[in-house]
Amino acid sequence: MALSLTKAPDLARRRVGRALDETGLLCVTLLEGLRRSWDLRQWWGEFIEQCWFLARVTSVPVMLIAVPLGATISLQVGDIARQLGAQSGTGALLTAAMIQQVAPLAAALLVSGVGGSAITADMGARNIRDELAAMEVMGINPIHRLVTPRLWAASMVSGLLCSVVILAGVIGGYYFNVIQQGVSPGAFFDGATTLLQFSDLLITLFKAWVFGFIAAAVACYMGMNCDYGPVGVGRAVNKAVVVTSIVVFATNYILTMIYQVLFPPRF
């Protein structure tokens, strides 16, 4: 019993050290992937292919998520606003929630869960087939050739999905708030502009852009460093989705806090 208690701090230190090592390697993978971004001829074709793939696999799920999500927010907020006699403010609250928080997080989680898992599986399959090692033998940096286009493709698609989430969420909220609850369309759209600034849209798109980089970087790193065998690839996919979700929510808190200090909300 005493021996196990003495080993516990050593085990905790090793796990913390391993986590810090993996975090450092992840940051190195991200920075190395961005370092050769100026050489478009090397990764432009792969970039277009990855953009089309990510857009194809995420466009339908994002619509299926955004419309009921906006409708749910509208129903909950509209019911409370009706009890307070302020139904005209439902559009403002719905639009502010969709633009400021819901849209970038939904886009990032979809890119990570649908596209990021496919990227991890692809990179893991290349790793266990020794394709990455073969590229290094031929003098080709696999990060520049494979990671760079996926970073930029995920960031661009995440920004586009963010816009789709906002549009679909507002449409769903409009239907349930205006058609179902009887709020006038003029009051709905007039209230939507009261709590928002143009900088809110810019920071939302910036968040989605950053979250796309994070999702692709984590997916590529987990796939390129997975254990050999199908089980290793499956574990890498699961770990990539979990780590991306944690990092995205932590980054969202930091960016939101900085934005709230620089641009105080308008009432």
C-alpha atoms as a PDB file:
ATOM      1  CA  MET A   1       0.000   0.000   0.000  1.00  0.00           C
ATOM      2  CA  ALA A   2       2.798   2.384   0.922  1.00  0.00           C
ATOM      3  CA  LEU A   3       4.653   1.449  -2.254  1.00  0.00           C
ATOM      4  CA  SER A   4       1.617   2.293  -4.409  1.00  0.00           C
ATOM      5  CA  LEU A   5       1.252   5.643  -2.657  1.00  0.00           C
ATOM      6  CA  THR A   6       4.876   6.502  -3.392  1.00  0.00           C
ATOM      7  CA  LYS A   7       4.441   5.578  -7.059  1.00  0.00           C
ATOM      8  CA  ALA A   8       1.331   7.735  -7.493  1.00  0.00           C
ATOM      9  CA  PRO A   9       3.184  11.094  -7.683  1.00  0.00           C
ATOM     10  CA  ASP A  10       5.689   9.633 -10.160  1.00  0.00           C
ATOM     11  CA  LEU A  11       2.856   8.331 -12.330  1.00  0.00           C
ATOM     12  CA  ALA A  12       1.106  11.701 -12.222  1.00  0.00           C
ATOM     13  CA  ARG A  13       4.332  13.493 -13.184  1.00  0.00           C
ATOM     14  CA  ARG A  14       4.906  11.122 -16.098  1.00  0.00           C
ATOM     15  CA  ARG A  15       1.372  11.655 -17.379  1.00  0.00           C
ATOM     16  CA  VAL A  16       1.675  15.428 -17.083  1.00  0.00           C
ATOM     17  CA  GLY A  17       5.034  15.312 -18.831  1.00  0.00           C
ATOM     18  CA  ARG A  18       3.608  13.158 -21.617  1.00  0.00           C
ATOM     19  CA  ALA A  19       0.677  15.543 -22.046  1.00  0.00           C
ATOM     20  CA  LEU A  20       3.037  18.524 -22.253  1.00  0.00           C
ATOM     21  CA  ASP A  21       5.216  16.703 -24.792  1.00  0.00           C
ATOM     22  CA  GLU A  22       2.205  15.933 -26.979  1.00  0.00           C
ATOM     23  CA  THR A  23       1.006  19.532 -26.704  1.00  0.00           C
ATOM     24  CA  GLY A  24       4.415  20.777 -27.830  1.00  0.00           C
ATOM     25  CA  LEU A  25       4.520  18.343 -30.756  1.00  0.00           C
ATOM     26  CA  LEU A  26       1.009  19.385 -31.748  1.00  0.00           C
ATOM     27  CA  CYS A  27       2.044  23.050 -31.796  1.00  0.00           C
ATOM     28  CA  VAL A  28       5.135  22.143 -33.824  1.00  0.00           C
ATOM     29  CA  THR A  29       2.956  20.290 -36.353  1.00  0.00           C
ATOM     30  CA  LEU A  30       0.645  23.300 -36.672  1.00  0.00           C
ATOM     31  CA  LEU A  31       3.467  25.831 -37.070  1.00  0.00           C
ATOM     32  CA  GLU A  32       5.401  23.610 -39.465  1.00  0.00           C
ATOM     33  CA  GLY A  33       2.272  23.181 -41.552  1.00  0.00           C
ATOM     34  CA  LEU A  34       1.835  26.962 -41.756  1.00  0.00           C
ATOM     35  CA  ARG A  35       5.500  27.671 -42.453  1.00  0.00           C
ATOM     36  CA  ARG A  36       5.345  26.706 -46.143  1.00  0.00           C
ATOM     37  CA  SER A  37       1.904  28.122 -46.827  1.00  0.00           C
ATOM     38  CA  TRP A  38       3.327  30.546 -49.374  1.00  0.00           C
ATOM     39  CA  ASP A  39       4.283  27.687 -51.719  1.00  0.00           C
ATOM     40  CA  LEU A  40       0.831  27.290 -53.257  1.00  0.00           C
ATOM     41  CA  ARG A  41       1.969  25.122 -56.147  1.00  0.00           C
ATOM     42  CA  GLN A  42       2.871  22.309 -53.769  1.00  0.00           C
ATOM     43  CA  TRP A  43      -0.506  22.010 -52.067  1.00  0.00           C
ATOM     44  CA  TRP A  44      -3.115  23.830 -54.160  1.00  0.00           C
ATOM     45  CA  GLY A  45      -4.562  20.675 -55.769  1.00  0.00           C
ATOM     46  CA  GLU A  46      -4.808  18.846 -52.452  1.00  0.00           C
ATOM     47  CA  PHE A  47      -6.372  21.964 -50.917  1.00  0.00           C
ATOM     48  CA  ILE A  48      -9.188  22.026 -53.490  1.00  0.00           C
ATOM     49  CA  GLU A  49      -9.806  18.311 -53.022  1.00  0.00           C
ATOM     50  CA  GLN A  50      -9.961  18.617 -49.243  1.00  0.00           C
ATOM     51  CA  CYS A  51     -12.265  21.653 -49.415  1.00  0.00           C
ATOM     52  CA  TRP A  52     -14.690  19.746 -51.623  1.00  0.00           C
ATOM     53  CA  PHE A  53     -14.535  16.681 -49.374  1.00  0.00           C
ATOM     54  CA  LEU A  54     -15.131  18.631 -46.145  1.00  0.00           C
ATOM     55  CA  ALA A  55     -17.929  20.698 -47.672  1.00  0.00           C
ATOM     56  CA  ARG A  56     -19.608  17.570 -49.045  1.00  0.00           C
ATOM     57  CA  VAL A  57     -19.596  15.626 -45.784  1.00  0.00           C
ATOM     58  CA  THR A  58     -20.544  18.526 -43.473  1.00  0.00           C
ATOM     59  CA  SER A  59     -23.075  20.618 -45.431  1.00  0.00           C
ATOM     60  CA  VAL A  60     -26.116  18.390 -44.807  1.00  0.00           C
ATOM     61  CA  PRO A  61     -25.364  17.659 -41.113  1.00  0.00           C
ATOM     62  CA  VAL A  62     -24.866  21.354 -40.384  1.00  0.00           C
ATOM     63  CA  MET A  63     -28.287  22.159 -41.814  1.00  0.00           C
ATOM     64  CA  LEU A  64     -29.907  19.352 -39.841  1.00  0.00           C
ATOM     65  CA  ILE A  65     -28.318  20.676 -36.661  1.00  0.00           C
ATOM     66  CA  ALA A  66     -28.682  24.432 -37.155  1.00  0.00           C
ATOM     67  CA  VAL A  67     -32.407  24.591 -38.001  1.00  0.00           C
ATOM     68  CA  PRO A  68     -33.700  22.697 -34.917  1.00  0.00           C
ATOM     69  CA  LEU A  69     -31.071  24.414 -32.772  1.00  0.00           C
ATOM     70  CA  GLY A  70     -32.311  27.857 -33.776  1.00  0.00           C
ATOM     71  CA  ALA A  71     -35.902  26.720 -33.338  1.00  0.00           C
ATOM     72  CA  THR A  72     -35.178  25.386 -29.846  1.00  0.00           C
ATOM     73  CA  ILE A  73     -33.505  28.612 -28.760  1.00  0.00           C
ATOM     74  CA  SER A  74     -36.377  30.609 -30.231  1.00  0.00           C
ATOM     75  CA  LEU A  75     -39.001  28.520 -28.424  1.00  0.00           C
ATOM     76  CA  GLN A  76     -37.262  28.741 -25.059  1.00  0.00           C
ATOM     77  CA  VAL A  77     -36.436  32.450 -25.309  1.00  0.00           C
ATOM     78  CA  GLY A  78     -39.819  33.276 -26.836  1.00  0.00           C
ATOM     79  CA  ASP A  79     -41.689  31.584 -24.003  1.00  0.00           C
ATOM     80  CA  ILE A  80     -39.752  33.535 -21.378  1.00  0.00           C
ATOM     81  CA  ALA A  81     -40.071  36.782 -23.352  1.00  0.00           C
ATOM     82  CA  ARG A  82     -43.861  36.290 -23.671  1.00  0.00           C
ATOM     83  CA  GLN A  83     -44.170  35.960 -19.908  1.00  0.00           C
ATOM     84  CA  LEU A  84     -42.210  39.197 -19.518  1.00  0.00           C
ATOM     85  CA  GLY A  85     -44.142  40.966 -22.272  1.00  0.00           C
ATOM     86  CA  ALA A  86     -41.059  41.409 -24.468  1.00  0.00           C
ATOM     87  CA  GLN A  87     -41.646  39.060 -27.394  1.00  0.00           C
ATOM     88  CA  SER A  88     -40.126  41.562 -29.817  1.00  0.00           C
ATOM     89  CA  GLY A  89     -36.739  40.948 -28.216  1.00  0.00           C
ATOM     90  CA  THR A  90     -36.698  37.267 -29.146  1.00  0.00           C
ATOM     91  CA  GLY A  91     -35.144  37.952 -32.529  1.00  0.00           C
ATOM     92  CA  ALA A  92     -32.349  39.970 -30.954  1.00  0.00           C
ATOM     93  CA  LEU A  93     -31.523  37.289 -28.393  1.00  0.00           C
ATOM     94  CA  LEU A  94     -31.702  34.478 -30.940  1.00  0.00           C
ATOM     95  CA  THR A  95     -29.508  36.216 -33.502  1.00  0.00           C
ATOM     96  CA  ALA A  96     -26.988  37.306 -30.879  1.00  0.00           C
ATOM     97  CA  ALA A  97     -26.718  33.772 -29.485  1.00  0.00           C
ATOM     98  CA  MET A  98     -26.353  32.199 -32.921  1.00  0.00           C
ATOM     99  CA  ILE A  99     -23.727  34.663 -34.138  1.00  0.00           C
ATOM    100  CA  GLN A 100     -21.656  35.100 -31.001  1.00  0.00           C
ATOM    101  CA  GLN A 101     -21.428  31.553 -29.628  1.00  0.00           C
ATOM    102  CA  VAL A 102     -23.456  28.829 -31.316  1.00  0.00           C
ATOM    103  CA  ALA A 103     -22.343  29.164 -34.949  1.00  0.00           C
ATOM    104  CA  PRO A 104     -18.526  28.932 -34.564  1.00  0.00           C
ATOM    105  CA  LEU A 105     -18.741  26.104 -32.029  1.00  0.00           C
ATOM    106  CA  ALA A 106     -21.207  24.111 -34.139  1.00  0.00           C
ATOM    107  CA  ALA A 107     -19.065  24.552 -37.240  1.00  0.00           C
ATOM    108  CA  ALA A 108     -15.901  23.531 -35.394  1.00  0.00           C
ATOM    109  CA  LEU A 109     -17.474  20.445 -33.836  1.00  0.00           C
ATOM    110  CA  LEU A 110     -18.860  19.339 -37.199  1.00  0.00           C
ATOM    111  CA  VAL A 111     -15.524  19.847 -38.937  1.00  0.00           C
ATOM    112  CA  SER A 112     -13.866  17.887 -36.143  1.00  0.00           C
ATOM    113  CA  GLY A 113     -16.434  15.117 -35.799  1.00  0.00           C
ATOM    114  CA  VAL A 114     -17.156  14.513 -39.483  1.00  0.00           C
ATOM    115  CA  GLY A 115     -14.187  15.860 -41.423  1.00  0.00           C
ATOM    116  CA  GLY A 116     -11.530  15.612 -38.708  1.00  0.00           C
ATOM    117  CA  SER A 117     -12.241  11.952 -38.038  1.00  0.00           C
ATOM    118  CA  ALA A 118     -11.845  11.214 -41.758  1.00  0.00           C
ATOM    119  CA  ILE A 119      -8.574  13.172 -41.829  1.00  0.00           C
ATOM    120  CA  THR A 120      -7.282  11.252 -38.806  1.00  0.00           C
ATOM    121  CA  ALA A 121      -8.214   7.921 -40.362  1.00  0.00           C
ATOM    122  CA  ASP A 122      -6.564   8.876 -43.655  1.00  0.00           C
ATOM    123  CA  MET A 123      -3.344  10.041 -42.015  1.00  0.00           C
ATOM    124  CA  GLY A 124      -3.346   7.006 -39.726  1.00  0.00           C
ATOM    125  CA  ALA A 125      -3.726   4.663 -42.694  1.00  0.00           C
ATOM    126  CA  ARG A 126      -0.816   6.392 -44.425  1.00  0.00           C
ATOM    127  CA  ASN A 127       1.217   6.029 -41.241  1.00  0.00           C
ATOM    128  CA  ILE A 128       0.650   2.300 -40.751  1.00  0.00           C
ATOM    129  CA  ARG A 129       1.378   1.690 -44.460  1.00  0.00           C
ATOM    130  CA  ASP A 130       4.670   3.572 -44.016  1.00  0.00           C
ATOM    131  CA  GLU A 131       3.718   6.104 -46.694  1.00  0.00           C
ATOM    132  CA  LEU A 132       4.866   8.975 -44.480  1.00  0.00           C
ATOM    133  CA  ALA A 133       8.260   7.347 -43.976  1.00  0.00           C
ATOM    134  CA  ALA A 134       8.513   6.703 -47.719  1.00  0.00           C
ATOM    135  CA  MET A 135       7.839  10.395 -48.419  1.00  0.00           C
ATOM    136  CA  GLU A 136      10.629  11.373 -46.039  1.00  0.00           C
ATOM    137  CA  VAL A 137      13.001   8.935 -47.777  1.00  0.00           C
ATOM    138  CA  MET A 138      12.194  10.629 -51.098  1.00  0.00           C
ATOM    139  CA  GLY A 139      12.994  14.020 -49.583  1.00  0.00           C
ATOM    140  CA  ILE A 140       9.356  15.166 -49.329  1.00  0.00           C
ATOM    141  CA  ASN A 141       8.180  16.714 -46.082  1.00  0.00           C
ATOM    142  CA  PRO A 142       4.843  15.001 -45.325  1.00  0.00           C
ATOM    143  CA  ILE A 143       3.718  17.945 -43.197  1.00  0.00           C
ATOM    144  CA  HIS A 144       4.182  20.415 -46.061  1.00  0.00           C
ATOM    145  CA  ARG A 145       2.574  18.091 -48.583  1.00  0.00           C
ATOM    146  CA  LEU A 146      -0.326  16.693 -46.523  1.00  0.00           C
ATOM    147  CA  VAL A 147      -0.915  18.809 -43.415  1.00  0.00           C
ATOM    148  CA  THR A 148      -0.700  22.300 -44.947  1.00  0.00           C
ATOM    149  CA  PRO A 149      -3.592  21.881 -47.430  1.00  0.00           C
ATOM    150  CA  ARG A 150      -5.754  20.274 -44.758  1.00  0.00           C
ATOM    151  CA  LEU A 151      -5.150  23.137 -42.349  1.00  0.00           C
ATOM    152  CA  TRP A 152      -6.263  25.773 -44.839  1.00  0.00           C
ATOM    153  CA  ALA A 153      -9.133  23.667 -46.179  1.00  0.00           C
ATOM    154  CA  ALA A 154     -10.552  23.032 -42.705  1.00  0.00           C
ATOM    155  CA  SER A 155     -10.264  26.708 -41.753  1.00  0.00           C
ATOM    156  CA  MET A 156     -11.997  27.893 -44.929  1.00  0.00           C
ATOM    157  CA  VAL A 157     -14.797  25.318 -44.727  1.00  0.00           C
ATOM    158  CA  SER A 158     -15.293  26.082 -41.029  1.00  0.00           C
ATOM    159  CA  GLY A 159     -15.793  29.772 -41.840  1.00  0.00           C
ATOM    160  CA  LEU A 160     -18.295  28.931 -44.578  1.00  0.00           C
ATOM    161  CA  LEU A 161     -20.155  26.509 -42.312  1.00  0.00           C
ATOM    162  CA  CYS A 162     -20.355  29.214 -39.664  1.00  0.00           C
ATOM    163  CA  SER A 163     -22.289  31.405 -42.090  1.00  0.00           C
ATOM    164  CA  VAL A 164     -24.583  28.497 -42.954  1.00  0.00           C
ATOM    165  CA  VAL A 165     -25.272  27.821 -39.269  1.00  0.00           C
ATOM    166  CA  ILE A 166     -26.218  31.469 -38.694  1.00  0.00           C
ATOM    167  CA  LEU A 167     -28.539  31.534 -41.700  1.00  0.00           C
ATOM    168  CA  ALA A 168     -30.212  28.205 -40.942  1.00  0.00           C
ATOM    169  CA  GLY A 169     -30.559  28.993 -37.238  1.00  0.00           C
ATOM    170  CA  VAL A 170     -32.175  32.353 -37.906  1.00  0.00           C
ATOM    171  CA  ILE A 171     -34.570  30.741 -40.411  1.00  0.00           C
ATOM    172  CA  GLY A 172     -35.584  28.132 -37.859  1.00  0.00           C
ATOM    173  CA  GLY A 173     -36.029  30.789 -35.181  1.00  0.00           C
ATOM    174  CA  TYR A 174     -38.026  32.980 -37.553  1.00  0.00           C
ATOM    175  CA  TYR A 175     -40.435  30.161 -38.332  1.00  0.00           C
ATOM    176  CA  PHE A 176     -41.194  29.269 -34.725  1.00  0.00           C
ATOM    177  CA  ASN A 177     -41.105  32.820 -33.392  1.00  0.00           C
ATOM    178  CA  VAL A 178     -43.043  34.581 -36.164  1.00  0.00           C
ATOM    179  CA  ILE A 179     -45.311  31.867 -37.563  1.00  0.00           C
ATOM    180  CA  GLN A 180     -45.888  29.765 -34.467  1.00  0.00           C
ATOM    181  CA  GLN A 181     -45.803  32.435 -31.739  1.00  0.00           C
ATOM    182  CA  GLY A 182     -47.263  35.336 -33.692  1.00  0.00           C
ATOM    183  CA  VAL A 183     -44.474  37.919 -33.455  1.00  0.00           C
ATOM    184  CA  SER A 184     -44.494  40.360 -36.378  1.00  0.00           C
ATOM    185  CA  PRO A 185     -41.638  39.941 -38.910  1.00  0.00           C
ATOM    186  CA  GLY A 186     -40.721  43.620 -38.545  1.00  0.00           C
ATOM    187  CA  ALA A 187     -40.288  43.300 -34.791  1.00  0.00           C
ATOM    188  CA  PHE A 188     -38.249  40.113 -35.206  1.00  0.00           C
ATOM    189  CA  PHE A 189     -35.717  41.588 -37.645  1.00  0.00           C
ATOM    190  CA  ASP A 190     -35.677  45.023 -36.003  1.00  0.00           C
ATOM    191  CA  GLY A 191     -34.754  43.477 -32.687  1.00  0.00           C
ATOM    192  CA  ALA A 192     -32.066  41.366 -34.333  1.00  0.00           C
ATOM    193  CA  THR A 193     -29.937  44.461 -34.948  1.00  0.00           C
ATOM    194  CA  THR A 194     -30.174  45.973 -31.485  1.00  0.00           C
ATOM    195  CA  LEU A 195     -27.673  43.792 -29.621  1.00  0.00           C
ATOM    196  CA  LEU A 196     -25.188  43.212 -32.423  1.00  0.00           C
ATOM    197  CA  GLN A 197     -22.259  45.096 -33.864  1.00  0.00           C
ATOM    198  CA  PHE A 198     -20.370  44.466 -37.079  1.00  0.00           C
ATOM    199  CA  SER A 199     -17.392  43.385 -35.009  1.00  0.00           C
ATOM    200  CA  ASP A 200     -19.497  40.524 -33.604  1.00  0.00           C
ATOM    201  CA  LEU A 201     -19.698  38.973 -37.062  1.00  0.00           C
ATOM    202  CA  LEU A 202     -15.982  39.487 -37.645  1.00  0.00           C
ATOM    203  CA  ILE A 203     -14.966  37.822 -34.382  1.00  0.00           C
ATOM    204  CA  THR A 204     -17.363  34.948 -35.118  1.00  0.00           C
ATOM    205  CA  LEU A 205     -15.769  34.293 -38.505  1.00  0.00           C
ATOM    206  CA  PHE A 206     -12.323  34.621 -36.938  1.00  0.00           C
ATOM    207  CA  LYS A 207     -13.260  32.072 -34.272  1.00  0.00           C
ATOM    208  CA  ALA A 208     -14.495  29.630 -36.906  1.00  0.00           C
ATOM    209  CA  TRP A 209     -11.297  30.160 -38.902  1.00  0.00           C
ATOM    210  CA  VAL A 210      -9.112  29.453 -35.851  1.00  0.00           C
ATOM    211  CA  PHE A 211     -11.224  26.465 -34.815  1.00  0.00           C
ATOM    212  CA  GLY A 212     -10.773  24.980 -38.280  1.00  0.00           C
ATOM    213  CA  PHE A 213      -7.002  25.204 -37.915  1.00  0.00           C
ATOM    214  CA  ILE A 214      -7.215  23.532 -34.496  1.00  0.00           C
ATOM    215  CA  ALA A 215      -9.424  20.695 -35.736  1.00  0.00           C
ATOM    216  CA  ALA A 216      -7.195  19.942 -38.721  1.00  0.00           C
ATOM    217  CA  ALA A 217      -3.964  20.208 -36.717  1.00  0.00           C
ATOM    218  CA  VAL A 218      -5.186  17.825 -34.024  1.00  0.00           C
ATOM    219  CA  ALA A 219      -6.570  15.378 -36.605  1.00  0.00           C
ATOM    220  CA  CYS A 220      -3.340  15.330 -38.614  1.00  0.00           C
ATOM    221  CA  TYR A 221      -1.141  15.001 -35.537  1.00  0.00           C
ATOM    222  CA  MET A 222      -3.161  12.139 -34.066  1.00  0.00           C
ATOM    223  CA  GLY A 223      -3.204  10.295 -37.382  1.00  0.00           C
ATOM    224  CA  MET A 224       0.505  10.738 -38.072  1.00  0.00           C
ATOM    225  CA  ASN A 225       1.444   9.504 -34.580  1.00  0.00           C
ATOM    226  CA  CYS A 226      -1.062   6.686 -34.095  1.00  0.00           C
ATOM    227  CA  ASP A 227      -0.165   3.162 -33.045  1.00  0.00           C
ATOM    228  CA  TYR A 228       0.231   0.581 -35.772  1.00  0.00           C
ATOM    229  CA  GLY A 229      -2.791  -1.478 -36.645  1.00  0.00           C
ATOM    230  CA  PRO A 230      -6.514  -0.777 -37.110  1.00  0.00           C
ATOM    231  CA  VAL A 231      -7.006  -0.465 -33.345  1.00  0.00           C
ATOM    232  CA  GLY A 232      -4.405   2.299 -33.205  1.00  0.00           C
ATOM    233  CA  VAL A 233      -6.165   4.228 -35.963  1.00  0.00           C
ATOM    234  CA  GLY A 234      -9.528   3.881 -34.223  1.00  0.00           C
ATOM    235  CA  ARG A 235      -8.105   5.116 -30.947  1.00  0.00           C
ATOM    236  CA  ALA A 236      -6.458   8.035 -32.738  1.00  0.00           C
ATOM    237  CA  VAL A 237      -9.798   9.047 -34.297  1.00  0.00           C
ATOM    238  CA  ASN A 238     -11.551   8.939 -30.933  1.00  0.00           C
ATOM    239  CA  LYS A 239      -8.743  10.857 -29.225  1.00  0.00           C
ATOM    240  CA  ALA A 240      -8.653  13.490 -31.974  1.00  0.00           C
ATOM    241  CA  VAL A 241     -12.368  14.302 -31.603  1.00  0.00           C
ATOM    242  CA  VAL A 242     -12.134  14.520 -27.811  1.00  0.00           C
ATOM    243  CA  VAL A 243      -8.974  16.648 -27.772  1.00  0.00           C
ATOM    244  CA  THR A 244     -10.345  18.973 -30.461  1.00  0.00           C
ATOM    245  CA  SER A 245     -13.538  19.558 -28.474  1.00  0.00           C
ATOM    246  CA  ILE A 246     -11.574  20.417 -25.326  1.00  0.00           C
ATOM    247  CA  VAL A 247      -9.155  22.743 -27.106  1.00  0.00           C
ATOM    248  CA  VAL A 248     -11.938  24.451 -29.083  1.00  0.00           C
ATOM    249  CA  PHE A 249     -14.027  25.230 -25.995  1.00  0.00           C
ATOM    250  CA  ALA A 250     -10.966  26.503 -24.115  1.00  0.00           C
ATOM    251  CA  THR A 251      -9.926  28.672 -27.069  1.00  0.00           C
ATOM    252  CA  ASN A 252     -13.474  29.976 -27.426  1.00  0.00           C
ATOM    253  CA  TYR A 253     -13.457  31.104 -23.804  1.00  0.00           C
ATOM    254  CA  ILE A 254     -10.127  32.906 -24.230  1.00  0.00           C
ATOM    255  CA  LEU A 255     -11.157  34.647 -27.465  1.00  0.00           C
ATOM    256  CA  THR A 256     -14.552  35.625 -26.036  1.00  0.00           C
ATOM    257  CA  MET A 257     -12.971  37.058 -22.909  1.00  0.00           C
ATOM    258  CA  ILE A 258     -10.488  39.122 -24.945  1.00  0.00           C
ATOM    259  CA  TYR A 259     -13.263  40.346 -27.250  1.00  0.00           C
ATOM    260  CA  GLN A 260     -15.526  41.323 -24.354  1.00  0.00           C
ATOM    261  CA  VAL A 261     -12.707  43.462 -22.923  1.00  0.00           C
ATOM    262  CA  LEU A 262     -11.839  45.144 -26.230  1.00  0.00           C
ATOM    263  CA  PHE A 263     -15.441  45.567 -27.461  1.00  0.00           C
ATOM    264  CA  PRO A 264     -17.930  45.776 -24.557  1.00  0.00           C
ATOM    265  CA  PRO A 265     -21.435  44.497 -25.399  1.00  0.00           C
ATOM    266  CA  ARG A 266     -24.031  47.018 -26.444  1.00  0.00           C
ATOM    267  CA  PHE A 267     -27.352  47.236 -24.606  1.00  0.00           C
END
